[in-house]
Protein backbone atom coordinates (compact mmCIF):
# COMPACT_ATOMS: atom_id res chain seq x y z
CA MET A 1 -2.78 -17.83 -1.33
CA LYS A 2 -0.87 -20.68 -2.85
CA THR A 3 -1.49 -19.26 -6.33
CA ASP A 4 0.86 -16.40 -5.41
CA THR A 5 3.75 -18.78 -4.65
CA PRO A 6 5.10 -18.68 -8.25
CA ILE A 7 5.37 -14.89 -8.00
CA ILE A 8 7.35 -15.16 -4.77
CA GLU A 9 9.62 -17.78 -6.33
CA ALA A 10 10.23 -15.55 -9.38
CA LEU A 11 11.02 -12.56 -7.14
CA ILE A 12 13.47 -14.65 -5.12
CA ALA A 13 15.05 -15.88 -8.37
CA ARG A 14 15.28 -12.21 -9.45
CA ASP A 15 13.36 -12.86 -12.65
CA GLU A 16 13.60 -9.41 -14.23
CA ALA A 17 10.42 -9.61 -16.33
CA VAL A 18 8.24 -10.86 -13.47
CA THR A 19 9.79 -8.40 -11.00
CA ARG A 20 9.24 -5.42 -13.29
CA GLN A 21 5.66 -6.43 -14.13
CA PHE A 22 4.82 -7.16 -10.52
CA PHE A 23 6.31 -4.09 -8.83
CA PHE A 24 5.81 -1.49 -11.55
CA ASN A 25 2.39 -2.55 -12.83
CA ASN A 26 0.55 -4.96 -10.54
CA CYS A 27 1.57 -3.30 -7.25
CA ARG A 28 1.48 0.32 -8.45
CA PRO A 29 -1.97 1.18 -6.98
CA LEU A 30 -1.09 -0.49 -3.68
CA PHE A 31 2.31 1.20 -3.39
CA ARG A 32 0.92 4.60 -4.43
CA SER A 33 -1.64 4.30 -1.65
CA ILE A 34 1.08 3.39 0.88
CA ILE A 35 3.22 6.32 -0.25
CA HIS A 36 0.24 8.66 0.11
CA HIS A 37 -0.64 7.45 3.61
CA VAL A 38 2.83 6.95 5.08
CA PHE A 39 4.75 9.97 3.80
CA SER A 40 3.88 13.63 4.25
CA TYR A 41 6.08 14.65 1.31
CA GLU A 42 6.55 13.56 -2.31
CA VAL A 43 8.34 10.24 -2.70
CA ASP A 44 9.72 8.95 -5.98
CA TYR A 45 7.92 5.71 -6.90
CA ASP A 46 11.03 4.09 -8.39
CA GLU A 47 13.05 4.87 -5.27
CA PHE A 48 10.29 3.47 -3.07
CA VAL A 49 10.13 0.22 -5.07
CA ASN A 50 13.90 -0.15 -5.25
CA GLU A 51 14.35 0.36 -1.52
CA PHE A 52 11.52 -2.04 -0.71
CA TYR A 53 12.73 -4.73 -3.12
CA LEU A 54 16.26 -4.57 -1.69
CA TYR A 55 14.74 -4.88 1.79
CA LEU A 56 12.79 -7.97 0.72
CA LEU A 57 15.93 -9.55 -0.78
CA GLU A 58 18.19 -8.96 2.24
CA ASN A 59 19.67 -12.05 3.89
CA ASP A 60 19.00 -14.38 0.96
CA ALA A 61 15.44 -13.05 0.52
CA CYS A 62 14.45 -14.17 4.01
CA ARG A 63 11.44 -11.82 4.08
CA LEU A 64 10.06 -13.13 0.79
CA ARG A 65 10.59 -16.67 2.06
CA GLN A 66 8.37 -15.84 5.06
CA PHE A 67 5.31 -15.56 2.82
CA GLU A 68 3.15 -18.56 3.66
CA GLY A 69 0.21 -17.98 1.33
CA ARG A 70 -2.37 -17.52 4.10
CA SER A 71 -3.40 -14.21 2.50
CA SER A 72 -2.94 -12.71 -0.92
CA ILE A 73 0.53 -11.54 -1.80
CA TYR A 74 -0.82 -7.98 -2.03
CA GLN A 75 -2.22 -8.04 1.50
CA TRP A 76 1.04 -9.50 2.79
CA LEU A 77 3.14 -6.90 0.94
CA LYS A 78 0.90 -4.13 2.24
CA VAL A 79 1.57 -5.10 5.85
CA VAL A 80 5.31 -5.61 5.30
CA ALA A 81 5.73 -2.36 3.36
CA ILE A 82 3.76 -0.23 5.80
CA ARG A 83 5.72 -1.56 8.78
CA TYR A 84 9.03 -1.04 7.01
CA PHE A 85 8.38 2.46 5.70
CA ILE A 86 6.73 3.75 8.88
CA SER A 87 9.84 2.73 10.79
CA LYS A 88 12.03 4.62 8.29
CA ARG A 89 9.82 7.41 6.95
CA ASN A 90 11.62 10.22 8.73
CA ARG A 91 15.06 8.96 7.78
CA MET A 92 15.04 6.97 4.55
CA ILE A 93 13.35 8.98 1.83
CA ASP A 94 13.94 12.27 3.57
CA MET A 95 13.51 15.31 1.39
CA GLU A 96 14.94 17.78 3.92
CA HIS A 97 18.52 17.64 5.10
CA ARG A 98 20.11 19.07 8.17
CA ASN A 99 22.81 20.73 6.07
CA PRO A 100 21.75 22.65 3.01
CA PRO A 101 22.94 20.98 -0.20
CA LEU A 102 26.16 22.30 -1.65
CA GLU A 103 27.35 23.97 1.53
CA ASN A 104 31.01 23.24 0.92
CA MET A 105 31.10 21.72 -2.53
CA VAL A 106 32.83 24.40 -4.58
CA ARG A 107 36.41 24.67 -3.44
CA LYS A 108 38.39 27.83 -3.98
CA ARG A 109 40.73 27.67 -6.92
CA GLY A 110 43.53 30.16 -6.70
CA ASN A 111 42.62 33.69 -5.72
CA ASP A 112 39.62 33.96 -8.02
CA GLU A 113 36.93 34.37 -5.38
CA GLU A 114 34.42 35.85 -7.82
CA ARG A 115 34.71 32.83 -10.11
CA THR A 116 34.25 30.49 -7.15
CA THR A 117 31.19 32.38 -5.98
CA THR A 118 29.68 32.35 -9.46
CA ALA A 119 30.32 28.62 -9.84
CA ARG A 120 28.78 27.95 -6.42
CA ILE A 121 25.65 29.86 -7.38
CA ASP A 122 25.39 28.08 -10.74
CA VAL A 123 25.77 24.62 -9.24
CA ARG A 124 23.34 25.44 -6.41
CA SER A 125 20.83 26.69 -8.96
CA ILE A 126 21.03 23.55 -11.09
CA LEU A 127 20.86 21.11 -8.19
CA ALA A 128 17.99 23.08 -6.62
CA GLN A 129 16.00 22.32 -9.77
CA LEU A 130 16.17 18.59 -9.16
CA PRO A 131 12.68 17.34 -8.33
CA ASN A 132 14.09 15.24 -5.50
CA GLN A 133 16.58 16.97 -3.19
CA ARG A 134 17.81 13.57 -2.04
CA TYR A 135 19.24 13.29 -5.56
CA ALA A 136 21.02 16.63 -5.06
CA ARG A 137 22.51 15.31 -1.84
CA VAL A 138 23.75 12.14 -3.57
CA ILE A 139 25.45 14.13 -6.35
CA GLU A 140 26.87 16.60 -3.86
CA ARG A 141 28.39 13.97 -1.59
CA LEU A 142 29.57 11.41 -4.17
CA MET A 143 30.70 13.60 -7.02
CA LEU A 144 31.52 16.98 -5.61
CA ASP A 145 32.74 16.10 -2.12
CA GLU A 146 34.16 12.80 -3.41
CA ALA A 147 32.94 11.06 -0.27
CA GLU A 148 33.20 7.30 0.06
CA PRO A 149 30.02 5.51 -1.09
CA ARG A 150 29.81 3.56 2.19
CA LEU A 151 29.86 6.82 4.15
CA VAL A 152 27.22 8.44 1.94
CA ALA A 153 25.02 5.35 2.20
CA LEU A 154 25.27 5.57 5.99
CA GLU A 155 24.42 9.29 5.93
CA LEU A 156 21.34 8.64 3.79
CA GLU A 157 20.47 5.52 5.80
CA THR A 158 20.40 3.22 2.80
CA ASN A 159 22.75 0.65 1.35
CA VAL A 160 25.47 1.08 -1.27
CA ASN A 161 23.47 -0.76 -3.97
CA ASN A 162 20.55 1.63 -3.57
CA LEU A 163 22.95 4.57 -3.41
CA TYR A 164 24.22 3.74 -6.90
CA ASN A 165 20.63 3.45 -8.15
CA LEU A 166 19.92 6.87 -6.63
CA LYS A 167 23.02 8.28 -8.31
CA LYS A 168 21.94 6.89 -11.67
CA ARG A 169 18.47 8.45 -11.36
CA ALA A 170 19.97 11.69 -10.04
CA MET A 171 22.32 11.96 -13.01
CA ALA A 172 19.46 11.28 -15.43
CA ALA A 173 17.36 14.00 -13.78
CA LEU A 174 20.30 16.40 -13.76
CA THR A 175 20.98 15.70 -17.44
CA ARG A 176 17.37 16.53 -18.32
CA ILE A 177 17.63 19.83 -16.44
CA ILE A 178 20.90 20.77 -18.13
CA ILE A 179 19.57 19.88 -21.59
CA LYS A 180 16.51 22.02 -20.88
CA GLU A 181 18.76 24.90 -19.73
CA ILE A 182 20.86 24.63 -22.90
CA GLY A 183 17.69 24.68 -25.01
CA ASN A 184 16.44 27.77 -23.18
CA ASP A 185 19.78 29.53 -23.69
CA GLU A 186 19.76 28.69 -27.40
CA GLU A 187 16.23 30.10 -27.73
CA LYS A 188 17.35 33.34 -26.07
CA ILE A 189 20.33 33.63 -28.37
CA GLY A 190 18.17 32.98 -31.45
CA LYS A 191 15.78 35.81 -30.60
């Protein structure tokens, strides 16, 4: 519908207020429904939106520019999103990895094998608590393995921009877990 054209124009112009309102409020029921029907595992809403928005903006927002207004923007987005995520559902927001997280992340330091083993268990335990194991993989590869962002993006079948967004969310989730752990330890000490 032609009344949706201003929304498309604002999305192309990357108007932050319109984009946030549109994707995180107006489209939430639609996108939740797509997530529920397309994926057989839990998918983070923010990651879904970020990945989809980057897809829409690729090549100078060519996909957004294809909207002709013959249907509502929501119907058009539904078709585009379902096609995109069905083609990538087993690879893009994959919660299971071929290699278990943290397989080789703790390197031996000196001859202190016990310390290395303890550190490996601690790190594994903390990263296992992340609600999204894709986040654990991002932290493992970027921060612990010190892998190149381009390589990690290829492994996770995403782009470098989204990889940094994933890292930011992963670090925020990890921080919450560590703060909770510290609080639990302090409670134990106080008793």
